[in-house]
Amino acid sequence: MVEYILGNYLVESGRITNEQLNETLQKQDSVRVKLGLIAVAEGMMTLAQTEEVNRLQAVMDKRFGDIAVAKGYLTDDQIGKLLKKQGDAYMTFIQTLVDSGYLTMIEVDNLLESFRIAKGFSISEIDAIKSDQVERIVPLFIPETGKKFTDIITICVRTLIRLLDRRIYVGNAQMVHAFPAEGQVSQALVGQNGIISCFSEMTGALLKLACVFGQEEFATLDMDALDAAGETLNCINGLYATAESQNGNLLELMPPDYDDVTSKAKNIICRIPIYVGDIGLYFTVADLV
């Protein structure tokens, strides 16, 4: 995620072109290796074990390493060694920019400081972005009044990265007064602390999501496409409901809804843009009336 956040800032500030960013990301992709592959190559896990962990990731809101440790396939110490072999995402991105001649090492130092000032981040928040950890990055883009929805937004982003596209990053969330009335699918989670969440189109990413999960090339965001997007929303909400049940908050998932659901939401409505490369969608969440 860090490479897309910083990369888009470089484009916005005129330091590099969009074409140069895409070229850099393509080069970086070639050196990013999954933990499972490294674990097999290092003789720490069998291929069958990694395939089992990958299958579990599809239904659990956990990272590969967390599941492998829980299954007894790896230790925490081994995970640390694998992560070092995998490489640091921020440094890999920066090194690729430097190797391509788009930035000098001196400009790299100025990049972080100019980015920090332009976006209003603290030094510790910049460290969080550099970590490339979703759970540390997402809260930075949610306003204080929307912090209560951090957990489900984080689950949403992690799920989309895992199942849709690695090129996921977020923009600044906003507090709004209404859910979108068209081109959206929503789902209510009923309980003592019930919420309602929604996917809506922005610039093509919801249609892409529908095509991936519906395993069909939808031409438009029709009801069939929204049904496919609703399956993804149901998966995200299911993971959130499972996590909440461990804290004693029992939530029941209602069927997806395709109409304006603003009347079902309380005043605080949080909408965050989620980007897949150069296209985006909105994820909106609020307390249920």
Protein backbone atom coordinates (compact mmCIF):
# COMPACT_ATOMS: atom_id res chain seq x y z
CA MET A 1 0.00 0.00 0.00
CA VAL A 2 2.85 2.41 0.79
CA GLU A 3 4.08 2.47 -2.80
CA TYR A 4 0.67 3.59 -4.10
CA ILE A 5 0.21 6.26 -1.43
CA LEU A 6 3.66 7.75 -2.02
CA GLY A 7 3.59 7.07 -5.75
CA ASN A 8 0.39 9.01 -6.27
CA TYR A 9 1.81 11.88 -4.22
CA LEU A 10 4.84 11.95 -6.53
CA VAL A 11 2.52 12.15 -9.54
CA GLU A 12 0.33 14.83 -7.93
CA SER A 13 3.39 16.93 -7.08
CA GLY A 14 4.85 16.60 -10.58
CA ARG A 15 7.94 14.69 -9.48
CA ILE A 16 7.21 11.77 -11.79
CA THR A 17 4.63 11.01 -14.48
CA ASN A 18 1.83 8.47 -14.19
CA GLU A 19 3.62 6.37 -16.81
CA GLN A 20 6.82 6.41 -14.76
CA LEU A 21 4.90 5.37 -11.65
CA ASN A 22 3.30 2.45 -13.48
CA GLU A 23 6.68 1.39 -14.82
CA THR A 24 8.17 1.54 -11.32
CA LEU A 25 5.34 -0.51 -9.86
CA GLN A 26 5.68 -3.13 -12.58
CA LYS A 27 9.40 -3.45 -11.88
CA GLN A 28 8.75 -3.67 -8.16
CA ASP A 29 6.18 -6.41 -8.68
CA SER A 30 8.85 -8.65 -10.12
CA VAL A 31 10.79 -8.71 -6.84
CA ARG A 32 7.90 -9.13 -4.42
CA VAL A 33 7.74 -12.72 -3.22
CA LYS A 34 4.97 -14.29 -1.13
CA LEU A 35 5.85 -15.66 2.31
CA GLY A 36 4.52 -19.08 1.36
CA LEU A 37 6.90 -19.38 -1.57
CA ILE A 38 9.87 -18.35 0.55
CA ALA A 39 8.83 -20.78 3.30
CA VAL A 40 8.75 -23.67 0.83
CA ALA A 41 12.06 -22.64 -0.76
CA GLU A 42 13.69 -22.47 2.67
CA GLY A 43 12.32 -25.87 3.65
CA MET A 44 10.24 -24.43 6.50
CA MET A 45 6.87 -25.53 5.08
CA THR A 46 5.62 -28.04 2.54
CA LEU A 47 3.69 -26.97 -0.54
CA ALA A 48 0.57 -28.68 0.84
CA GLN A 49 0.84 -26.68 4.07
CA THR A 50 1.12 -23.36 2.23
CA GLU A 51 -1.86 -24.23 0.03
CA GLU A 52 -3.86 -25.03 3.18
CA VAL A 53 -2.95 -21.66 4.72
CA ASN A 54 -3.87 -19.87 1.48
CA ARG A 55 -7.30 -21.54 1.51
CA LEU A 56 -7.83 -20.50 5.14
CA GLN A 57 -6.92 -16.91 4.28
CA ALA A 58 -9.92 -16.79 1.96
CA VAL A 59 -12.30 -17.23 4.90
CA MET A 60 -10.32 -15.75 7.81
CA ASP A 61 -9.28 -12.16 8.43
CA LYS A 62 -5.69 -13.09 9.23
CA ARG A 63 -2.30 -12.81 7.59
CA PHE A 64 -0.44 -15.81 6.15
CA GLY A 65 2.11 -15.81 8.97
CA ASP A 66 -0.52 -15.60 11.71
CA ILE A 67 -2.35 -18.64 10.35
CA ALA A 68 0.88 -20.61 9.80
CA VAL A 69 1.93 -20.00 13.42
CA ALA A 70 -1.53 -20.94 14.74
CA LYS A 71 -1.38 -24.20 12.75
CA GLY A 72 2.06 -24.96 14.17
CA TYR A 73 3.77 -24.85 10.77
CA LEU A 74 6.02 -21.90 11.64
CA THR A 75 7.31 -20.15 14.75
CA ASP A 76 7.31 -16.39 15.32
CA ASP A 77 11.07 -16.42 14.92
CA GLN A 78 10.79 -18.12 11.53
CA ILE A 79 8.17 -15.58 10.44
CA GLY A 80 10.62 -12.80 11.29
CA LYS A 81 13.29 -14.41 9.17
CA LEU A 82 10.90 -14.85 6.25
CA LEU A 83 9.77 -11.22 6.42
CA LYS A 84 13.38 -10.06 6.21
CA LYS A 85 13.89 -12.22 3.14
CA GLN A 86 10.69 -10.89 1.58
CA GLY A 87 12.01 -7.35 1.72
CA ASP A 88 10.66 -4.03 2.90
CA ALA A 89 7.94 -2.61 0.62
CA TYR A 90 8.89 1.02 1.18
CA MET A 91 12.59 0.45 0.57
CA THR A 92 11.88 -1.74 -2.45
CA PHE A 93 9.74 1.03 -3.96
CA ILE A 94 12.33 3.72 -3.25
CA GLN A 95 15.19 1.60 -4.56
CA THR A 96 13.25 0.94 -7.77
CA LEU A 97 12.67 4.69 -8.24
CA VAL A 98 16.37 5.37 -7.70
CA ASP A 99 17.48 2.54 -9.98
CA SER A 100 15.18 3.90 -12.70
CA GLY A 101 16.70 7.36 -12.35
CA TYR A 102 13.42 8.99 -11.29
CA LEU A 103 14.73 10.04 -7.86
CA THR A 104 18.18 10.56 -6.33
CA MET A 105 18.95 9.41 -2.80
CA ILE A 106 19.07 13.07 -1.71
CA GLU A 107 15.58 13.60 -3.15
CA VAL A 108 14.37 10.58 -1.20
CA ASP A 109 15.02 12.38 2.09
CA ASN A 110 13.15 15.44 0.88
CA LEU A 111 10.29 13.26 -0.41
CA LEU A 112 9.21 11.99 3.00
CA GLU A 113 9.39 15.41 4.62
CA SER A 114 7.49 17.15 1.82
CA PHE A 115 4.88 14.38 1.83
CA ARG A 116 4.53 14.65 5.62
CA ILE A 117 4.00 18.42 5.49
CA ALA A 118 1.64 18.32 2.50
CA LYS A 119 -0.59 15.67 4.11
CA GLY A 120 -0.31 16.95 7.68
CA PHE A 121 1.17 13.74 9.09
CA SER A 122 3.36 13.46 12.17
CA ILE A 123 6.69 11.67 12.13
CA SER A 124 5.16 8.65 13.88
CA GLU A 125 2.36 8.55 11.30
CA ILE A 126 4.95 8.55 8.50
CA ASP A 127 6.57 5.56 10.22
CA ALA A 128 3.17 3.85 10.17
CA ILE A 129 2.82 4.44 6.42
CA LYS A 130 6.35 3.16 5.80
CA SER A 131 5.48 -0.03 7.71
CA ASP A 132 3.07 -0.97 4.88
CA GLN A 133 0.78 -2.53 7.50
CA VAL A 134 -2.91 -2.05 6.71
CA GLU A 135 -3.92 -1.91 10.37
CA ARG A 136 -1.48 0.98 10.97
CA ILE A 137 -2.16 2.88 7.75
CA VAL A 138 -5.97 2.84 7.50
CA PRO A 139 -6.64 4.72 10.79
CA LEU A 140 -4.53 7.64 9.52
CA PHE A 141 -7.12 8.33 6.82
CA ILE A 142 -10.19 8.24 9.08
CA PRO A 143 -11.32 11.44 10.87
CA GLU A 144 -11.78 11.36 14.64
CA THR A 145 -15.57 11.24 14.35
CA GLY A 146 -15.31 8.12 12.21
CA LYS A 147 -12.72 6.23 14.30
CA LYS A 148 -15.41 3.91 15.68
CA PHE A 149 -15.59 2.30 12.21
CA THR A 150 -11.84 1.67 11.92
CA ASP A 151 -12.13 -2.09 12.50
CA ILE A 152 -14.61 -2.82 9.72
CA ILE A 153 -12.87 -0.46 7.28
CA THR A 154 -9.57 -2.21 7.99
CA ILE A 155 -11.18 -5.62 7.43
CA CYS A 156 -12.64 -4.32 4.16
CA VAL A 157 -9.27 -3.10 2.88
CA ARG A 158 -7.44 -6.28 3.93
CA THR A 159 -10.08 -8.44 2.26
CA LEU A 160 -9.93 -6.50 -1.01
CA ILE A 161 -6.13 -6.72 -1.04
CA ARG A 162 -6.29 -10.45 -0.46
CA LEU A 163 -9.11 -11.37 -2.82
CA LEU A 164 -9.35 -8.60 -5.42
CA ASP A 165 -6.05 -6.89 -6.14
CA ARG A 166 -2.81 -6.15 -4.31
CA ARG A 167 -2.85 -2.60 -5.70
CA ILE A 168 -5.30 -1.37 -3.06
CA TYR A 169 -4.85 1.90 -1.18
CA VAL A 170 -7.15 4.38 0.54
CA GLY A 171 -7.88 8.09 0.40
CA ASN A 172 -9.14 10.41 3.11
CA ALA A 173 -12.46 9.34 4.64
CA GLN A 174 -15.20 11.93 4.99
CA MET A 175 -18.24 12.24 7.21
CA VAL A 176 -21.30 12.59 4.96
CA HIS A 177 -25.05 13.02 5.43
CA ALA A 178 -26.36 10.25 3.19
CA PHE A 179 -25.61 6.94 1.57
CA PRO A 180 -25.51 6.91 -2.25
CA ALA A 181 -28.97 6.36 -3.70
CA GLU A 182 -27.90 4.56 -6.89
CA GLY A 183 -25.17 2.16 -8.05
CA GLN A 184 -24.70 0.67 -4.63
CA VAL A 185 -25.22 -2.45 -2.55
CA SER A 186 -25.60 -2.31 1.23
CA GLN A 187 -26.04 -4.75 4.10
CA ALA A 188 -27.27 -4.28 7.66
CA LEU A 189 -25.76 -6.07 10.64
CA VAL A 190 -28.46 -6.16 13.30
CA GLY A 191 -27.64 -6.30 16.99
CA GLN A 192 -26.98 -4.20 20.07
CA ASN A 193 -24.26 -2.30 18.23
CA GLY A 194 -25.62 -2.79 14.72
CA ILE A 195 -24.16 -1.10 11.67
CA ILE A 196 -24.91 -0.79 7.98
CA SER A 197 -22.17 -0.85 5.33
CA CYS A 198 -22.22 -0.17 1.62
CA PHE A 199 -20.19 -0.42 -1.57
CA SER A 200 -20.84 2.19 -4.24
CA GLU A 201 -19.21 3.06 -7.54
CA MET A 202 -16.75 5.92 -7.94
CA THR A 203 -14.59 5.43 -11.03
CA GLY A 204 -14.89 1.80 -12.10
CA ALA A 205 -13.54 -0.24 -9.18
CA LEU A 206 -16.94 -1.55 -8.06
CA LEU A 207 -17.56 -2.90 -11.56
CA LYS A 208 -14.10 -4.51 -11.49
CA LEU A 209 -14.90 -6.07 -8.13
CA ALA A 210 -18.18 -7.43 -9.48
CA CYS A 211 -16.42 -8.97 -12.49
CA VAL A 212 -13.82 -10.68 -10.31
CA PHE A 213 -16.26 -12.15 -7.79
CA GLY A 214 -19.00 -12.86 -10.28
CA GLN A 215 -16.47 -14.50 -12.62
CA GLU A 216 -18.19 -12.69 -15.46
CA GLU A 217 -17.31 -9.64 -17.57
CA PHE A 218 -20.17 -7.30 -16.70
CA ALA A 219 -20.49 -4.40 -19.14
CA THR A 220 -22.42 -2.22 -16.73
CA LEU A 221 -23.21 -2.09 -13.04
CA ASP A 222 -26.58 -3.82 -13.39
CA MET A 223 -28.36 -5.90 -10.76
CA ASP A 224 -26.35 -9.02 -11.62
CA ALA A 225 -23.14 -7.08 -11.10
CA LEU A 226 -24.40 -5.61 -7.84
CA ASP A 227 -25.30 -9.12 -6.67
CA ALA A 228 -21.69 -10.17 -7.24
CA ALA A 229 -20.41 -7.11 -5.37
CA GLY A 230 -22.85 -7.97 -2.59
CA GLU A 231 -21.15 -11.34 -2.14
CA THR A 232 -17.92 -9.52 -1.35
CA LEU A 233 -19.69 -7.19 1.09
CA ASN A 234 -21.26 -10.22 2.78
CA CYS A 235 -17.81 -11.78 3.18
CA ILE A 236 -16.40 -8.60 4.75
CA ASN A 237 -19.36 -8.19 7.08
CA GLY A 238 -19.17 -11.85 8.05
CA LEU A 239 -15.53 -11.46 9.08
CA TYR A 240 -16.42 -8.35 11.07
CA ALA A 241 -19.37 -10.07 12.77
CA THR A 242 -17.16 -13.01 13.72
CA ALA A 243 -14.57 -10.69 15.27
CA GLU A 244 -17.26 -8.77 17.15
CA SER A 245 -18.81 -11.98 18.52
CA GLN A 246 -15.54 -12.69 20.31
CA ASN A 247 -16.12 -9.43 22.19
CA GLY A 248 -19.68 -10.40 23.09
CA ASN A 249 -21.30 -8.25 20.36
CA LEU A 250 -23.60 -10.59 18.43
CA LEU A 251 -24.60 -9.34 14.99
CA GLU A 252 -26.96 -10.90 12.45
CA LEU A 253 -26.35 -10.29 8.75
CA MET A 254 -29.43 -9.17 6.80
CA PRO A 255 -29.90 -9.74 3.04
CA PRO A 256 -28.20 -7.19 0.76
CA ASP A 257 -30.19 -4.06 -0.16
CA TYR A 258 -29.93 -2.10 -3.40
CA ASP A 259 -32.05 0.95 -2.56
CA ASP A 260 -31.26 4.15 -0.68
CA VAL A 261 -30.73 3.10 2.97
CA THR A 262 -29.95 6.50 4.48
CA SER A 263 -33.08 6.31 6.65
CA LYS A 264 -31.63 3.22 8.34
CA ALA A 265 -28.48 5.04 9.42
CA LYS A 266 -27.79 7.30 12.37
CA ASN A 267 -26.20 10.72 11.88
CA ILE A 268 -22.55 9.63 11.70
CA ILE A 269 -21.93 8.25 8.21
CA CYS A 270 -18.32 7.57 7.24
CA ARG A 271 -17.35 7.23 3.55
CA ILE A 272 -13.85 6.26 2.50
CA PRO A 273 -12.52 6.03 -1.08
CA ILE A 274 -10.70 2.81 -1.87
CA TYR A 275 -8.56 2.68 -5.00
CA VAL A 276 -7.54 -0.25 -7.16
CA GLY A 277 -4.71 1.19 -9.21
CA ASP A 278 -6.19 4.19 -11.01
CA ILE A 279 -9.88 3.39 -10.41
CA GLY A 280 -11.90 3.63 -7.22
CA LEU A 281 -15.02 2.78 -5.24
CA TYR A 282 -16.56 4.03 -1.99
CA PHE A 283 -17.02 2.01 1.19
CA THR A 284 -19.58 3.68 3.46
CA VAL A 285 -20.49 2.64 7.00
CA ALA A 286 -22.77 3.97 9.74
CA ASP A 287 -24.49 2.95 12.95
CA LEU A 288 -27.84 1.27 12.38
CA VAL A 289 -30.94 3.06 13.64
